[in-house]
Amino acid sequence: EVQLVESGGGLVQAGGSLRLSCAASGFTFDDYVIGWFRQAPGKEREGVSCISSSDSSTDYADSVKGRFTISSDNAKNTVYLQMNSLKPEDTAVYYCAAVFMTRTYCNGAFYGAEADYRGQGTQVTVSS
């Protein structure tokens, strides 16, 4: 069974940090570009970051550059999103998605590609 399971969300004060995890199973982790999206109530989905296991490339939305860091542990089939200096506007449901590597690179194109797999999401709430 294919699964992407997010964890690590929660409530944090502005300026604080959280680390999200996306644990993958049921597919060949190294063959996919995996990334994070977020969606706040009443707002459109926003691509946050992605990482490609094949070439270790990463990408970040301008809104999170310098504050968020994506990484992967291929041995654990897990992608992490370290979020520092959190702001109230970072409040959203964060979910991870995987796109087969032949259909996209880890760049802006990833965020517009149809995901092969997607998790259920984890809530991040940043209080002011």
Foldseek 3Di string as FASTA:
>chain_A
DWAWAKDWADEEAAQAKIKMKTFTDDDQLQQKKKFKWWDDPPDDIGTAKIAHNVVRDMEGDPVQPPFWDWDDDNVRSMIMIIGGRDDQVVWTWMKMFIDGPVVDDGYPVVVVDDGPDIHPTDTHGYHD
